[in-house]
PDB file of N, CA and C in Angstrom:
ATOM      1  N   MET A   1      -2.083  -6.903   2.815  1.00  0.00           N
ATOM      2  CA  MET A   1      -1.497  -6.410   1.578  1.00  0.00           C
ATOM      3  C   MET A   1      -2.555  -6.213   0.512  1.00  0.00           C
ATOM      4  N   SER A   2      -3.625  -6.988   0.536  1.00  0.00           N
ATOM      5  CA  SER A   2      -4.637  -6.848  -0.506  1.00  0.00           C
ATOM      6  C   SER A   2      -5.294  -5.472  -0.474  1.00  0.00           C
ATOM      7  N   MET A   3      -5.393  -4.841   0.702  1.00  0.00           N
ATOM      8  CA  MET A   3      -5.965  -3.497   0.773  1.00  0.00           C
ATOM      9  C   MET A   3      -5.112  -2.501   0.002  1.00  0.00           C
ATOM     10  N   VAL A   4      -3.816  -2.620   0.111  1.00  0.00           N
ATOM     11  CA  VAL A   4      -2.915  -1.708  -0.595  1.00  0.00           C
ATOM     12  C   VAL A   4      -3.017  -1.932  -2.096  1.00  0.00           C
ATOM     13  N   GLU A   5      -3.187  -3.166  -2.506  1.00  0.00           N
ATOM     14  CA  GLU A   5      -3.305  -3.472  -3.936  1.00  0.00           C
ATOM     15  C   GLU A   5      -4.614  -2.958  -4.519  1.00  0.00           C
ATOM     16  N   VAL A   6      -5.687  -2.961  -3.726  1.00  0.00           N
ATOM     17  CA  VAL A   6      -7.010  -2.555  -4.205  1.00  0.00           C
ATOM     18  C   VAL A   6      -7.204  -1.045  -4.108  1.00  0.00           C
ATOM     19  N   ALA A   7      -6.561  -0.423  -3.145  1.00  0.00           N
ATOM     20  CA  ALA A   7      -6.722   1.021  -2.938  1.00  0.00           C
ATOM     21  C   ALA A   7      -6.245   1.788  -4.167  1.00  0.00           C
ATOM     22  N   GLY A   8      -6.822   2.936  -4.371  1.00  0.00           N
ATOM     23  CA  GLY A   8      -6.380   3.775  -5.473  1.00  0.00           C
ATOM     24  C   GLY A   8      -4.949   4.248  -5.290  1.00  0.00           C
ATOM     25  N   PHE A   9      -4.550   4.402  -4.038  1.00  0.00           N
ATOM     26  CA  PHE A   9      -3.194   4.852  -3.717  1.00  0.00           C
ATOM     27  C   PHE A   9      -2.828   4.244  -2.375  1.00  0.00           C
ATOM     28  N   GLY A  10      -1.888   3.318  -2.367  1.00  0.00           N
ATOM     29  CA  GLY A  10      -1.514   2.614  -1.142  1.00  0.00           C
ATOM     30  C   GLY A  10      -0.241   3.172  -0.535  1.00  0.00           C
ATOM     31  N   VAL A  11      -0.276   3.379   0.788  1.00  0.00           N
ATOM     32  CA  VAL A  11       0.884   3.910   1.502  1.00  0.00           C
ATOM     33  C   VAL A  11       1.297   2.917   2.578  1.00  0.00           C
ATOM     34  N   SER A  12       2.562   2.641   2.661  1.00  0.00           N
ATOM     35  CA  SER A  12       3.111   1.762   3.692  1.00  0.00           C
ATOM     36  C   SER A  12       3.866   2.592   4.719  1.00  0.00           C
ATOM     37  N   MET A  13       3.846   2.123   5.954  1.00  0.00           N
ATOM     38  CA  MET A  13       4.646   2.756   6.997  1.00  0.00           C
ATOM     39  C   MET A  13       6.119   2.451   6.726  1.00  0.00           C
ATOM     40  N   GLY A  14       6.990   3.320   7.133  1.00  0.00           N
ATOM     41  CA  GLY A  14       8.418   3.149   6.908  1.00  0.00           C
ATOM     42  C   GLY A  14       8.991   1.894   7.537  1.00  0.00           C
ATOM     43  N   ASN A  15       8.367   1.434   8.602  1.00  0.00           N
ATOM     44  CA  ASN A  15       8.838   0.219   9.253  1.00  0.00           C
ATOM     45  C   ASN A  15       7.948  -0.973   8.924  1.00  0.00           C
ATOM     46  N   GLY A  16       7.185  -0.864   7.840  1.00  0.00           N
ATOM     47  CA  GLY A  16       6.336  -1.971   7.393  1.00  0.00           C
ATOM     48  C   GLY A  16       7.168  -3.113   6.837  1.00  0.00           C
ATOM     49  N   ILE A  17       6.489  -4.223   6.590  1.00  0.00           N
ATOM     50  CA  ILE A  17       7.209  -5.379   6.059  1.00  0.00           C
ATOM     51  C   ILE A  17       7.683  -5.081   4.627  1.00  0.00           C
ATOM     52  N   PRO A  18       8.834  -5.600   4.262  1.00  0.00           N
ATOM     53  CA  PRO A  18       9.405  -5.299   2.938  1.00  0.00           C
ATOM     54  C   PRO A  18       8.454  -5.604   1.780  1.00  0.00           C
ATOM     55  N   GLU A  19       7.689  -6.686   1.872  1.00  0.00           N
ATOM     56  CA  GLU A  19       6.770  -7.046   0.784  1.00  0.00           C
ATOM     57  C   GLU A  19       5.699  -5.979   0.595  1.00  0.00           C
ATOM     58  N   LEU A  20       5.231  -5.388   1.682  1.00  0.00           N
ATOM     59  CA  LEU A  20       4.215  -4.345   1.600  1.00  0.00           C
ATOM     60  C   LEU A  20       4.817  -3.063   1.037  1.00  0.00           C
ATOM     61  N   LYS A  21       5.989  -2.697   1.508  1.00  0.00           N
ATOM     62  CA  LYS A  21       6.638  -1.487   1.004  1.00  0.00           C
ATOM     63  C   LYS A  21       6.927  -1.600  -0.489  1.00  0.00           C
ATOM     64  N   GLN A  22       7.180  -2.805  -0.953  1.00  0.00           N
ATOM     65  CA  GLN A  22       7.489  -3.017  -2.368  1.00  0.00           C
ATOM     66  C   GLN A  22       6.277  -2.768  -3.268  1.00  0.00           C
ATOM     67  N   ILE A  23       5.070  -3.099  -2.800  1.00  0.00           N
ATOM     68  CA  ILE A  23       3.885  -2.928  -3.647  1.00  0.00           C
ATOM     69  C   ILE A  23       3.152  -1.618  -3.393  1.00  0.00           C
ATOM     70  N   ALA A  24       3.507  -0.902  -2.334  1.00  0.00           N
ATOM     71  CA  ALA A  24       2.849   0.369  -2.021  1.00  0.00           C
ATOM     72  C   ALA A  24       3.240   1.435  -3.042  1.00  0.00           C
ATOM     73  N   ASP A  25       2.347   2.390  -3.231  1.00  0.00           N
ATOM     74  CA  ASP A  25       2.642   3.515  -4.118  1.00  0.00           C
ATOM     75  C   ASP A  25       3.608   4.498  -3.462  1.00  0.00           C
ATOM     76  N   ALA A  26       3.583   4.530  -2.132  1.00  0.00           N
ATOM     77  CA  ALA A  26       4.464   5.427  -1.386  1.00  0.00           C
ATOM     78  C   ALA A  26       4.799   4.797  -0.044  1.00  0.00           C
ATOM     79  N   VAL A  27       5.920   5.193   0.508  1.00  0.00           N
ATOM     80  CA  VAL A  27       6.333   4.751   1.839  1.00  0.00           C
ATOM     81  C   VAL A  27       6.537   6.006   2.675  1.00  0.00           C
ATOM     82  N   THR A  28       5.858   6.069   3.812  1.00  0.00           N
ATOM     83  CA  THR A  28       5.975   7.216   4.708  1.00  0.00           C
ATOM     84  C   THR A  28       6.939   6.880   5.838  1.00  0.00           C
ATOM     85  N   THR A  29       7.035   7.739   6.812  1.00  0.00           N
ATOM     86  CA  THR A  29       7.910   7.491   7.952  1.00  0.00           C
ATOM     87  C   THR A  29       7.284   6.439   8.868  1.00  0.00           C
ATOM     88  N   THR A  30       7.989   6.064   9.925  1.00  0.00           N
ATOM     89  CA  THR A  30       7.491   5.049  10.860  1.00  0.00           C
ATOM     90  C   THR A  30       6.376   5.615  11.730  1.00  0.00           C
ATOM     91  N   GLN A  31       5.695   4.723  12.478  1.00  0.00           N
ATOM     92  CA  GLN A  31       4.654   5.208  13.376  1.00  0.00           C
ATOM     93  C   GLN A  31       5.251   6.067  14.485  1.00  0.00           C
ATOM     94  N   ASP A  32       6.477   5.790  14.889  1.00  0.00           N
ATOM     95  CA  ASP A  32       7.136   6.612  15.907  1.00  0.00           C
ATOM     96  C   ASP A  32       7.452   8.012  15.389  1.00  0.00           C
ATOM     97  N   GLU A  33       7.502   8.155  14.077  1.00  0.00           N
ATOM     98  CA  GLU A  33       7.784   9.450  13.447  1.00  0.00           C
ATOM     99  C   GLU A  33       6.515  10.062  12.851  1.00  0.00           C
ATOM    100  N   ASP A  34       5.338   9.660  13.379  1.00  0.00           N
ATOM    101  CA  ASP A  34       4.040  10.189  12.930  1.00  0.00           C
ATOM    102  C   ASP A  34       3.779   9.955  11.448  1.00  0.00           C
ATOM    103  N   GLY A  35       4.100   8.759  10.981  1.00  0.00           N
ATOM    104  CA  GLY A  35       3.965   8.424   9.568  1.00  0.00           C
ATOM    105  C   GLY A  35       2.584   8.624   8.982  1.00  0.00           C
ATOM    106  N   VAL A  36       1.538   8.323   9.755  1.00  0.00           N
ATOM    107  CA  VAL A  36       0.177   8.518   9.244  1.00  0.00           C
ATOM    108  C   VAL A  36      -0.069  10.000   9.000  1.00  0.00           C
ATOM    109  N   GLY A  37       0.291  10.829   9.957  1.00  0.00           N
ATOM    110  CA  GLY A  37       0.120  12.273   9.798  1.00  0.00           C
ATOM    111  C   GLY A  37       0.946  12.828   8.656  1.00  0.00           C
ATOM    112  N   VAL A  38       2.157  12.346   8.524  1.00  0.00           N
ATOM    113  CA  VAL A  38       3.033  12.781   7.429  1.00  0.00           C
ATOM    114  C   VAL A  38       2.395  12.438   6.084  1.00  0.00           C
ATOM    115  N   ALA A  39       1.860  11.226   5.971  1.00  0.00           N
ATOM    116  CA  ALA A  39       1.234  10.796   4.713  1.00  0.00           C
ATOM    117  C   ALA A  39      -0.025  11.603   4.421  1.00  0.00           C
ATOM    118  N   ILE A  40      -0.840  11.856   5.442  1.00  0.00           N
ATOM    119  CA  ILE A  40      -2.056  12.659   5.235  1.00  0.00           C
ATOM    120  C   ILE A  40      -1.674  14.058   4.780  1.00  0.00           C
ATOM    121  N   ASP A  41      -0.703  14.659   5.445  1.00  0.00           N
ATOM    122  CA  ASP A  41      -0.233  15.989   5.044  1.00  0.00           C
ATOM    123  C   ASP A  41       0.223  16.010   3.593  1.00  0.00           C
ATOM    124  N   LYS A  42       1.020  15.028   3.230  1.00  0.00           N
ATOM    125  CA  LYS A  42       1.630  15.026   1.899  1.00  0.00           C
ATOM    126  C   LYS A  42       0.666  14.618   0.788  1.00  0.00           C
ATOM    127  N   TYR A  43      -0.127  13.570   1.024  1.00  0.00           N
ATOM    128  CA  TYR A  43      -0.922  13.003  -0.070  1.00  0.00           C
ATOM    129  C   TYR A  43      -2.396  13.386  -0.052  1.00  0.00           C
ATOM    130  N   VAL A  44      -2.914  13.820   1.093  1.00  0.00           N
ATOM    131  CA  VAL A  44      -4.327  14.199   1.163  1.00  0.00           C
ATOM    132  C   VAL A  44      -4.469  15.718   1.180  1.00  0.00           C
ATOM    133  N   LEU A  45      -3.701  16.367   2.033  1.00  0.00           N
ATOM    134  CA  LEU A  45      -3.812  17.815   2.175  1.00  0.00           C
ATOM    135  C   LEU A  45      -2.866  18.578   1.258  1.00  0.00           C
ATOM    136  N   ASP A  46      -1.955  17.878   0.597  1.00  0.00           N
ATOM    137  CA  ASP A  46      -0.974  18.489  -0.318  1.00  0.00           C
ATOM    138  C   ASP A  46      -0.164  19.597   0.336  1.00  0.00           C
ATOM    139  N   ASN A  47       0.323  19.342   1.546  1.00  0.00           N
ATOM    140  CA  ASN A  47       1.157  20.337   2.250  1.00  0.00           C
ATOM    141  C   ASN A  47       2.608  20.006   2.084  1.00  0.00           C
TER     142      ASN A  47
END
């Protein structure tokens, strides 16, 4: 959790622990739903 707090913009997976999702700046889909790719598309590539 400390990485999310220190990062300029923290993203949690949709199936992450509730405490992490609560402090994250955004919550993406689960890993089964390609959450990392979804987050990169949305927050890095602005697609």
